[in-house]
């Protein structure tokens, strides 16, 4: 049984999306570049492990000067670039 994936719409040419892609490239250890993935592509299916998702989370917190609360520490928040961007935006992070 496949987990339901949440589709999040992103604005075109969003600088935050590009910053998130760079963080994913540096920390998710994917076999493909994050720039080649659709914003709603499942990062776990693309090869990200739960350990790598923690590294991505810590890098996001550092880069965007935010802290993920306990209720957001679940795989669905980090399953796609779009869901990550939605969470960072909700926490008040801004593109630098």
PDB file of N, CA and C in Angstrom:
ATOM      1  N   UNK A   1       0.845  -1.185   0.000  1.00  0.00           N
ATOM      2  CA  UNK A   1       0.000   0.000   0.000  1.00  0.00           C
ATOM      3  C   UNK A   1       0.885   1.242   0.000  1.00  0.00           C
ATOM      4  N   UNK A   2       0.652   2.156  -0.925  1.00  0.00           N
ATOM      5  CA  UNK A   2       1.434   3.393  -1.011  1.00  0.00           C
ATOM      6  C   UNK A   2       0.865   4.453  -0.100  1.00  0.00           C
ATOM      7  N   UNK A   3       1.753   5.199   0.520  1.00  0.00           N
ATOM      8  CA  UNK A   3       1.316   6.314   1.350  1.00  0.00           C
ATOM      9  C   UNK A   3       0.811   7.427   0.442  1.00  0.00           C
ATOM     10  N   UNK A   4      -0.236   8.095   0.870  1.00  0.00           N
ATOM     11  CA  UNK A   4      -0.790   9.206   0.100  1.00  0.00           C
ATOM     12  C   UNK A   4       0.181  10.371   0.137  1.00  0.00           C
ATOM     13  N   UNK A   5       0.456  10.938  -1.015  1.00  0.00           N
ATOM     14  CA  UNK A   5       1.358  12.077  -1.104  1.00  0.00           C
ATOM     15  C   UNK A   5       0.538  13.341  -1.231  1.00  0.00           C
ATOM     16  N   UNK A   6       0.891  14.337  -0.470  1.00  0.00           N
ATOM     17  CA  UNK A   6       0.211  15.616  -0.509  1.00  0.00           C
ATOM     18  C   UNK A   6       0.824  16.470  -1.607  1.00  0.00           C
ATOM     19  N   UNK A   7      -0.020  17.016  -2.464  1.00  0.00           N
ATOM     20  CA  UNK A   7       0.481  17.887  -3.538  1.00  0.00           C
ATOM     21  C   UNK A   7       0.356  19.332  -3.071  1.00  0.00           C
ATOM     22  N   UNK A   8       1.466  20.055  -3.151  1.00  0.00           N
ATOM     23  CA  UNK A   8       1.507  21.453  -2.741  1.00  0.00           C
ATOM     24  C   UNK A   8       1.885  22.272  -3.969  1.00  0.00           C
ATOM     25  N   UNK A   9       1.141  23.333  -4.245  1.00  0.00           N
ATOM     26  CA  UNK A   9       1.448  24.206  -5.379  1.00  0.00           C
ATOM     27  C   UNK A   9       2.466  25.261  -4.953  1.00  0.00           C
ATOM     28  N   UNK A  10       3.494  25.453  -5.772  1.00  0.00           N
ATOM     29  CA  UNK A  10       4.533  26.433  -5.493  1.00  0.00           C
ATOM     30  C   UNK A  10       4.504  27.542  -6.530  1.00  0.00           C
ATOM     31  N   UNK A  11       4.835  28.760  -6.117  1.00  0.00           N
ATOM     32  CA  UNK A  11       4.968  29.830  -7.101  1.00  0.00           C
ATOM     33  C   UNK A  11       6.146  29.530  -8.043  1.00  0.00           C
ATOM     34  N   UNK A  12       6.039  29.956  -9.282  1.00  0.00           N
ATOM     35  CA  UNK A  12       7.115  29.758 -10.250  1.00  0.00           C
ATOM     36  C   UNK A  12       8.284  30.680  -9.897  1.00  0.00           C
ATOM     37  N   UNK A  13       9.501  30.191 -10.115  1.00  0.00           N
ATOM     38  CA  UNK A  13      10.722  30.966  -9.863  1.00  0.00           C
ATOM     39  C   UNK A  13      10.817  31.455  -8.423  1.00  0.00           C
ATOM     40  N   UNK A  14      10.546  30.593  -7.496  1.00  0.00           N
ATOM     41  CA  UNK A  14      10.597  30.955  -6.090  1.00  0.00           C
ATOM     42  C   UNK A  14      12.020  30.757  -5.571  1.00  0.00           C
ATOM     43  N   UNK A  15      12.660  31.805  -5.042  1.00  0.00           N
ATOM     44  CA  UNK A  15      14.034  31.658  -4.536  1.00  0.00           C
ATOM     45  C   UNK A  15      14.135  30.644  -3.393  1.00  0.00           C
ATOM     46  N   UNK A  16      13.095  30.536  -2.572  1.00  0.00           N
ATOM     47  CA  UNK A  16      13.143  29.584  -1.466  1.00  0.00           C
ATOM     48  C   UNK A  16      13.222  28.158  -2.000  1.00  0.00           C
ATOM     49  N   UNK A  17      12.500  27.881  -3.071  1.00  0.00           N
ATOM     50  CA  UNK A  17      12.539  26.542  -3.662  1.00  0.00           C
ATOM     51  C   UNK A  17      13.965  26.184  -4.069  1.00  0.00           C
ATOM     52  N   UNK A  18      14.656  27.120  -4.676  1.00  0.00           N
ATOM     53  CA  UNK A  18      16.040  26.867  -5.100  1.00  0.00           C
ATOM     54  C   UNK A  18      16.960  26.662  -3.898  1.00  0.00           C
ATOM     55  N   UNK A  19      16.760  27.418  -2.827  1.00  0.00           N
ATOM     56  CA  UNK A  19      17.574  27.241  -1.623  1.00  0.00           C
ATOM     57  C   UNK A  19      17.322  25.866  -0.996  1.00  0.00           C
ATOM     58  N   UNK A  20      16.081  25.447  -0.986  1.00  0.00           N
ATOM     59  CA  UNK A  20      15.741  24.123  -0.457  1.00  0.00           C
ATOM     60  C   UNK A  20      16.369  23.037  -1.327  1.00  0.00           C
ATOM     61  N   UNK A  21      16.328  23.207  -2.627  1.00  0.00           N
ATOM     62  CA  UNK A  21      16.968  22.232  -3.523  1.00  0.00           C
ATOM     63  C   UNK A  21      18.467  22.125  -3.234  1.00  0.00           C
ATOM     64  N   UNK A  22      19.127  23.247  -2.989  1.00  0.00           N
ATOM     65  CA  UNK A  22      20.563  23.227  -2.674  1.00  0.00           C
ATOM     66  C   UNK A  22      20.827  22.483  -1.366  1.00  0.00           C
ATOM     67  N   UNK A  23      19.985  22.723  -0.367  1.00  0.00           N
ATOM     68  CA  UNK A  23      20.133  22.024   0.914  1.00  0.00           C
ATOM     69  C   UNK A  23      19.929  20.526   0.717  1.00  0.00           C
ATOM     70  N   UNK A  24      18.944  20.160  -0.064  1.00  0.00           N
ATOM     71  CA  UNK A  24      18.698  18.738  -0.342  1.00  0.00           C
ATOM     72  C   UNK A  24      19.893  18.128  -1.071  1.00  0.00           C
ATOM     73  N   UNK A  25      20.436  18.845  -2.038  1.00  0.00           N
ATOM     74  CA  UNK A  25      21.627  18.347  -2.746  1.00  0.00           C
ATOM     75  C   UNK A  25      22.776  18.092  -1.781  1.00  0.00           C
ATOM     76  N   UNK A  26      22.959  18.976  -0.820  1.00  0.00           N
ATOM     77  CA  UNK A  26      24.080  18.876   0.110  1.00  0.00           C
ATOM     78  C   UNK A  26      23.876  17.848   1.225  1.00  0.00           C
ATOM     79  N   UNK A  27      22.626  17.560   1.586  1.00  0.00           N
ATOM     80  CA  UNK A  27      22.395  16.760   2.798  1.00  0.00           C
ATOM     81  C   UNK A  27      21.537  15.503   2.625  1.00  0.00           C
ATOM     82  N   UNK A  28      20.761  15.407   1.558  1.00  0.00           N
ATOM     83  CA  UNK A  28      19.846  14.270   1.425  1.00  0.00           C
ATOM     84  C   UNK A  28      20.510  13.018   0.856  1.00  0.00           C
ATOM     85  N   UNK A  29      21.665  13.175   0.239  1.00  0.00           N
ATOM     86  CA  UNK A  29      22.409  12.054  -0.333  1.00  0.00           C
ATOM     87  C   UNK A  29      21.580  11.275  -1.356  1.00  0.00           C
ATOM     88  N   UNK A  30      20.900  12.029  -2.214  1.00  0.00           N
ATOM     89  CA  UNK A  30      20.097  11.412  -3.265  1.00  0.00           C
ATOM     90  C   UNK A  30      20.987  10.996  -4.427  1.00  0.00           C
ATOM     91  N   UNK A  31      20.599   9.967  -5.159  1.00  0.00           N
ATOM     92  CA  UNK A  31      21.379   9.555  -6.323  1.00  0.00           C
ATOM     93  C   UNK A  31      21.165  10.468  -7.541  1.00  0.00           C
ATOM     94  N   UNK A  32      20.240  11.411  -7.425  1.00  0.00           N
ATOM     95  CA  UNK A  32      19.964  12.372  -8.496  1.00  0.00           C
ATOM     96  C   UNK A  32      19.997  13.777  -7.912  1.00  0.00           C
ATOM     97  N   UNK A  33      20.233  14.765  -8.762  1.00  0.00           N
ATOM     98  CA  UNK A  33      20.224  16.156  -8.312  1.00  0.00           C
ATOM     99  C   UNK A  33      18.800  16.594  -8.001  1.00  0.00           C
ATOM    100  N   UNK A  34      18.643  17.340  -6.931  1.00  0.00           N
ATOM    101  CA  UNK A  34      17.314  17.812  -6.531  1.00  0.00           C
ATOM    102  C   UNK A  34      16.691  18.684  -7.616  1.00  0.00           C
ATOM    103  N   UNK A  35      17.507  19.343  -8.405  1.00  0.00           N
ATOM    104  CA  UNK A  35      17.005  20.177  -9.487  1.00  0.00           C
ATOM    105  C   UNK A  35      16.300  19.394 -10.579  1.00  0.00           C
ATOM    106  N   UNK A  36      16.530  18.097 -10.634  1.00  0.00           N
ATOM    107  CA  UNK A  36      15.883  17.269 -11.647  1.00  0.00           C
ATOM    108  C   UNK A  36      14.538  16.730 -11.180  1.00  0.00           C
ATOM    109  N   UNK A  37      14.217  16.943  -9.903  1.00  0.00           N
ATOM    110  CA  UNK A  37      12.980  16.409  -9.333  1.00  0.00           C
ATOM    111  C   UNK A  37      11.864  17.437  -9.364  1.00  0.00           C
ATOM    112  N   UNK A  38      10.661  16.966  -9.648  1.00  0.00           N
ATOM    113  CA  UNK A  38       9.477  17.804  -9.525  1.00  0.00           C
ATOM    114  C   UNK A  38       9.343  18.213  -8.061  1.00  0.00           C
ATOM    115  N   UNK A  39       8.818  19.387  -7.801  1.00  0.00           N
ATOM    116  CA  UNK A  39       8.684  19.873  -6.419  1.00  0.00           C
ATOM    117  C   UNK A  39       7.812  18.962  -5.571  1.00  0.00           C
ATOM    118  N   UNK A  40       6.935  18.187  -6.182  1.00  0.00           N
ATOM    119  CA  UNK A  40       6.069  17.271  -5.438  1.00  0.00           C
ATOM    120  C   UNK A  40       6.554  15.820  -5.472  1.00  0.00           C
ATOM    121  N   UNK A  41       7.722  15.578  -6.042  1.00  0.00           N
ATOM    122  CA  UNK A  41       8.272  14.221  -6.070  1.00  0.00           C
ATOM    123  C   UNK A  41       8.589  13.769  -4.647  1.00  0.00           C
ATOM    124  N   UNK A  42       8.338  12.502  -4.372  1.00  0.00           N
ATOM    125  CA  UNK A  42       8.591  11.948  -3.046  1.00  0.00           C
ATOM    126  C   UNK A  42      10.094  11.738  -2.872  1.00  0.00           C
ATOM    127  N   UNK A  43      10.685  12.471  -1.933  1.00  0.00           N
ATOM    128  CA  UNK A  43      12.126  12.398  -1.708  1.00  0.00           C
ATOM    129  C   UNK A  43      12.544  11.043  -1.142  1.00  0.00           C
ATOM    130  N   UNK A  44      11.680  10.410  -0.374  1.00  0.00           N
ATOM    131  CA  UNK A  44      12.003   9.083   0.169  1.00  0.00           C
ATOM    132  C   UNK A  44      12.049   8.061  -0.966  1.00  0.00           C
ATOM    133  N   UNK A  45      11.119   8.161  -1.905  1.00  0.00           N
ATOM    134  CA  UNK A  45      11.140   7.260  -3.055  1.00  0.00           C
ATOM    135  C   UNK A  45      12.335   7.550  -3.955  1.00  0.00           C
ATOM    136  N   UNK A  46      12.821   8.793  -3.920  1.00  0.00           N
ATOM    137  CA  UNK A  46      13.991   9.168  -4.712  1.00  0.00           C
ATOM    138  C   UNK A  46      15.293   8.707  -4.057  1.00  0.00           C
ATOM    139  N   UNK A  47      15.212   8.202  -2.817  1.00  0.00           N
ATOM    140  CA  UNK A  47      16.404   7.654  -2.172  1.00  0.00           C
ATOM    141  C   UNK A  47      16.805   8.279  -0.852  1.00  0.00           C
ATOM    142  N   UNK A  48      16.076   9.262  -0.370  1.00  0.00           N
ATOM    143  CA  UNK A  48      16.437   9.880   0.911  1.00  0.00           C
ATOM    144  C   UNK A  48      16.086   8.938   2.067  1.00  0.00           C
ATOM    145  N   UNK A  49      17.021   8.750   2.973  1.00  0.00           N
ATOM    146  CA  UNK A  49      16.776   7.919   4.151  1.00  0.00           C
ATOM    147  C   UNK A  49      16.258   8.789   5.285  1.00  0.00           C
ATOM    148  N   UNK A  50      15.762   8.148   6.335  1.00  0.00           N
ATOM    149  CA  UNK A  50      15.288   8.916   7.490  1.00  0.00           C
ATOM    150  C   UNK A  50      16.456   9.644   8.152  1.00  0.00           C
ATOM    151  N   UNK A  51      17.623   9.032   8.153  1.00  0.00           N
ATOM    152  CA  UNK A  51      18.805   9.688   8.721  1.00  0.00           C
ATOM    153  C   UNK A  51      19.150  10.952   7.920  1.00  0.00           C
ATOM    154  N   UNK A  52      19.107  10.835   6.608  1.00  0.00           N
ATOM    155  CA  UNK A  52      19.383  12.001   5.756  1.00  0.00           C
ATOM    156  C   UNK A  52      18.322  13.079   5.938  1.00  0.00           C
ATOM    157  N   UNK A  53      17.069  12.684   6.194  1.00  0.00           N
ATOM    158  CA  UNK A  53      16.021  13.694   6.394  1.00  0.00           C
ATOM    159  C   UNK A  53      16.288  14.517   7.656  1.00  0.00           C
ATOM    160  N   UNK A  54      16.893  13.904   8.658  1.00  0.00           N
ATOM    161  CA  UNK A  54      17.270  14.651   9.868  1.00  0.00           C
ATOM    162  C   UNK A  54      18.356  15.659   9.526  1.00  0.00           C
ATOM    163  N   UNK A  55      19.312  15.263   8.703  1.00  0.00           N
ATOM    164  CA  UNK A  55      20.370  16.200   8.277  1.00  0.00           C
ATOM    165  C   UNK A  55      19.776  17.357   7.480  1.00  0.00           C
ATOM    166  N   UNK A  56      18.813  17.051   6.625  1.00  0.00           N
ATOM    167  CA  UNK A  56      18.125  18.095   5.856  1.00  0.00           C
ATOM    168  C   UNK A  56      17.401  19.036   6.816  1.00  0.00           C
ATOM    169  N   UNK A  57      16.696  18.482   7.790  1.00  0.00           N
ATOM    170  CA  UNK A  57      15.964  19.301   8.754  1.00  0.00           C
ATOM    171  C   UNK A  57      16.910  20.252   9.501  1.00  0.00           C
ATOM    172  N   UNK A  58      18.032  19.728   9.968  1.00  0.00           N
ATOM    173  CA  UNK A  58      18.984  20.571  10.706  1.00  0.00           C
ATOM    174  C   UNK A  58      19.562  21.664   9.818  1.00  0.00           C
ATOM    175  N   UNK A  59      19.840  21.339   8.570  1.00  0.00           N
ATOM    176  CA  UNK A  59      20.355  22.336   7.633  1.00  0.00           C
ATOM    177  C   UNK A  59      19.298  23.402   7.332  1.00  0.00           C
ATOM    178  N   UNK A  60      18.047  22.986   7.212  1.00  0.00           N
ATOM    179  CA  UNK A  60      16.959  23.946   6.996  1.00  0.00           C
ATOM    180  C   UNK A  60      16.830  24.881   8.191  1.00  0.00           C
ATOM    181  N   UNK A  61      16.879  24.322   9.400  1.00  0.00           N
ATOM    182  CA  UNK A  61      16.779  25.154  10.606  1.00  0.00           C
ATOM    183  C   UNK A  61      17.899  26.186  10.649  1.00  0.00           C
ATOM    184  N   UNK A  62      19.102  25.750  10.326  1.00  0.00           N
ATOM    185  CA  UNK A  62      20.244  26.662  10.347  1.00  0.00           C
ATOM    186  C   UNK A  62      20.127  27.728   9.251  1.00  0.00           C
ATOM    187  N   UNK A  63      19.801  27.301   8.053  1.00  0.00           N
ATOM    188  CA  UNK A  63      19.758  28.225   6.918  1.00  0.00           C
ATOM    189  C   UNK A  63      18.643  29.262   7.041  1.00  0.00           C
ATOM    190  N   UNK A  64      17.460  28.819   7.457  1.00  0.00           N
ATOM    191  CA  UNK A  64      16.301  29.713   7.514  1.00  0.00           C
ATOM    192  C   UNK A  64      16.057  30.282   8.913  1.00  0.00           C
ATOM    193  N   UNK A  65      16.932  29.954   9.858  1.00  0.00           N
ATOM    194  CA  UNK A  65      16.814  30.446  11.234  1.00  0.00           C
ATOM    195  C   UNK A  65      15.428  30.139  11.815  1.00  0.00           C
ATOM    196  N   UNK A  66      15.059  28.860  11.746  1.00  0.00           N
ATOM    197  CA  UNK A  66      13.778  28.386  12.261  1.00  0.00           C
ATOM    198  C   UNK A  66      14.031  27.167  13.138  1.00  0.00           C
ATOM    199  N   UNK A  67      12.988  26.704  13.818  1.00  0.00           N
ATOM    200  CA  UNK A  67      13.067  25.455  14.569  1.00  0.00           C
ATOM    201  C   UNK A  67      11.775  24.683  14.325  1.00  0.00           C
ATOM    202  N   UNK A  68      11.933  23.448  13.893  1.00  0.00           N
ATOM    203  CA  UNK A  68      10.765  22.602  13.653  1.00  0.00           C
ATOM    204  C   UNK A  68      10.220  22.115  14.993  1.00  0.00           C
ATOM    205  N   UNK A  69       8.956  22.405  15.304  1.00  0.00           N
ATOM    206  CA  UNK A  69       8.364  21.918  16.549  1.00  0.00           C
ATOM    207  C   UNK A  69       8.112  20.412  16.458  1.00  0.00           C
ATOM    208  N   UNK A  70       7.971  19.780  17.617  1.00  0.00           N
ATOM    209  CA  UNK A  70       7.792  18.327  17.674  1.00  0.00           C
ATOM    210  C   UNK A  70       6.681  17.827  16.758  1.00  0.00           C
ATOM    211  N   UNK A  71       5.558  18.550  16.677  1.00  0.00           N
ATOM    212  CA  UNK A  71       4.439  18.070  15.863  1.00  0.00           C
ATOM    213  C   UNK A  71       4.751  18.076  14.374  1.00  0.00           C
ATOM    214  N   UNK A  72       5.812  18.763  13.969  1.00  0.00           N
ATOM    215  CA  UNK A  72       6.193  18.772  12.548  1.00  0.00           C
ATOM    216  C   UNK A  72       7.302  17.761  12.251  1.00  0.00           C
ATOM    217  N   UNK A  73       7.741  17.036  13.241  1.00  0.00           N
ATOM    218  CA  UNK A  73       8.814  16.067  13.027  1.00  0.00           C
ATOM    219  C   UNK A  73       8.229  14.732  12.599  1.00  0.00           C
ATOM    220  N   UNK A  74       7.732  14.709  11.378  1.00  0.00           N
ATOM    221  CA  UNK A  74       7.188  13.484  10.806  1.00  0.00           C
ATOM    222  C   UNK A  74       7.546  13.433   9.327  1.00  0.00           C
ATOM    223  N   UNK A  75       7.568  12.248   8.770  1.00  0.00           N
ATOM    224  CA  UNK A  75       8.035  12.093   7.385  1.00  0.00           C
ATOM    225  C   UNK A  75       7.270  12.904   6.345  1.00  0.00           C
ATOM    226  N   UNK A  76       5.990  13.162   6.557  1.00  0.00           N
ATOM    227  CA  UNK A  76       5.229  13.889   5.540  1.00  0.00           C
ATOM    228  C   UNK A  76       5.717  15.321   5.348  1.00  0.00           C
ATOM    229  N   UNK A  77       6.259  15.921   6.382  1.00  0.00           N
ATOM    230  CA  UNK A  77       6.780  17.292   6.269  1.00  0.00           C
ATOM    231  C   UNK A  77       7.977  17.328   5.327  1.00  0.00           C
ATOM    232  N   UNK A  78       8.764  16.256   5.308  1.00  0.00           N
ATOM    233  CA  UNK A  78      10.002  16.229   4.531  1.00  0.00           C
ATOM    234  C   UNK A  78       9.916  15.342   3.289  1.00  0.00           C
ATOM    235  N   UNK A  79       8.689  14.988   2.877  1.00  0.00           N
ATOM    236  CA  UNK A  79       8.541  14.049   1.771  1.00  0.00           C
ATOM    237  C   UNK A  79       8.770  14.669   0.399  1.00  0.00           C
ATOM    238  N   UNK A  80       8.675  15.991   0.294  1.00  0.00           N
ATOM    239  CA  UNK A  80       8.887  16.630  -1.009  1.00  0.00           C
ATOM    240  C   UNK A  80       9.427  18.039  -0.803  1.00  0.00           C
ATOM    241  N   UNK A  81       9.951  18.583  -1.865  1.00  0.00           N
ATOM    242  CA  UNK A  81      10.432  19.965  -1.825  1.00  0.00           C
ATOM    243  C   UNK A  81       9.272  20.893  -1.500  1.00  0.00           C
ATOM    244  N   UNK A  82       8.129  20.635  -2.088  1.00  0.00           N
ATOM    245  CA  UNK A  82       6.953  21.479  -1.862  1.00  0.00           C
ATOM    246  C   UNK A  82       6.488  21.418  -0.411  1.00  0.00           C
ATOM    247  N   UNK A  83       6.460  20.223   0.182  1.00  0.00           N
ATOM    248  CA  UNK A  83       6.012  20.124   1.573  1.00  0.00           C
ATOM    249  C   UNK A  83       7.023  20.763   2.522  1.00  0.00           C
ATOM    250  N   UNK A  84       8.305  20.668   2.194  1.00  0.00           N
ATOM    251  CA  UNK A  84       9.334  21.335   2.996  1.00  0.00           C
ATOM    252  C   UNK A  84       9.139  22.844   2.914  1.00  0.00           C
ATOM    253  N   UNK A  85       8.933  23.350   1.700  1.00  0.00           N
ATOM    254  CA  UNK A  85       8.744  24.790   1.536  1.00  0.00           C
ATOM    255  C   UNK A  85       7.519  25.275   2.307  1.00  0.00           C
ATOM    256  N   UNK A  86       6.442  24.516   2.274  1.00  0.00           N
ATOM    257  CA  UNK A  86       5.233  24.901   3.005  1.00  0.00           C
ATOM    258  C   UNK A  86       5.526  24.975   4.501  1.00  0.00           C
ATOM    259  N   UNK A  87       6.284  24.013   5.014  1.00  0.00           N
ATOM    260  CA  UNK A  87       6.614  24.002   6.440  1.00  0.00           C
ATOM    261  C   UNK A  87       7.530  25.165   6.805  1.00  0.00           C
ATOM    262  N   UNK A  88       8.547  25.415   5.989  1.00  0.00           N
ATOM    263  CA  UNK A  88       9.460  26.525   6.262  1.00  0.00           C
ATOM    264  C   UNK A  88       8.709  27.847   6.224  1.00  0.00           C
ATOM    265  N   UNK A  89       7.825  28.012   5.263  1.00  0.00           N
ATOM    266  CA  UNK A  89       7.011  29.231   5.169  1.00  0.00           C
ATOM    267  C   UNK A  89       6.126  29.374   6.396  1.00  0.00           C
ATOM    268  N   UNK A  90       5.489  28.286   6.826  1.00  0.00           N
ATOM    269  CA  UNK A  90       4.629  28.312   8.007  1.00  0.00           C
ATOM    270  C   UNK A  90       5.414  28.722   9.256  1.00  0.00           C
ATOM    271  N   UNK A  91       6.678  28.325   9.327  1.00  0.00           N
ATOM    272  CA  UNK A  91       7.505  28.635  10.494  1.00  0.00           C
ATOM    273  C   UNK A  91       8.159  30.022  10.393  1.00  0.00           C
ATOM    274  N   UNK A  92       7.871  30.728   9.327  1.00  0.00           N
ATOM    275  CA  UNK A  92       8.369  32.100   9.210  1.00  0.00           C
ATOM    276  C   UNK A  92       9.728  32.216   8.570  1.00  0.00           C
ATOM    277  N   UNK A  93      10.202  31.133   7.967  1.00  0.00           N
ATOM    278  CA  UNK A  93      11.486  31.195   7.261  1.00  0.00           C
ATOM    279  C   UNK A  93      11.341  31.992   5.997  1.00  0.00           C
ATOM    280  N   UNK A  94      12.404  32.638   5.598  1.00  0.00           N
ATOM    281  CA  UNK A  94      12.363  33.435   4.385  1.00  0.00           C
ATOM    282  C   UNK A  94      13.619  33.161   3.560  1.00  0.00           C
ATOM    283  N   UNK A  95      13.487  33.275   2.271  1.00  0.00           N
ATOM    284  CA  UNK A  95      14.637  33.101   1.392  1.00  0.00           C
ATOM    285  C   UNK A  95      15.653  34.187   1.697  1.00  0.00           C
ATOM    286  N   UNK A  96      16.910  33.831   1.698  1.00  0.00           N
ATOM    287  CA  UNK A  96      17.978  34.798   2.024  1.00  0.00           C
ATOM    288  C   UNK A  96      18.484  35.485   0.780  1.00  0.00           C
TER     289      UNK A  96
END
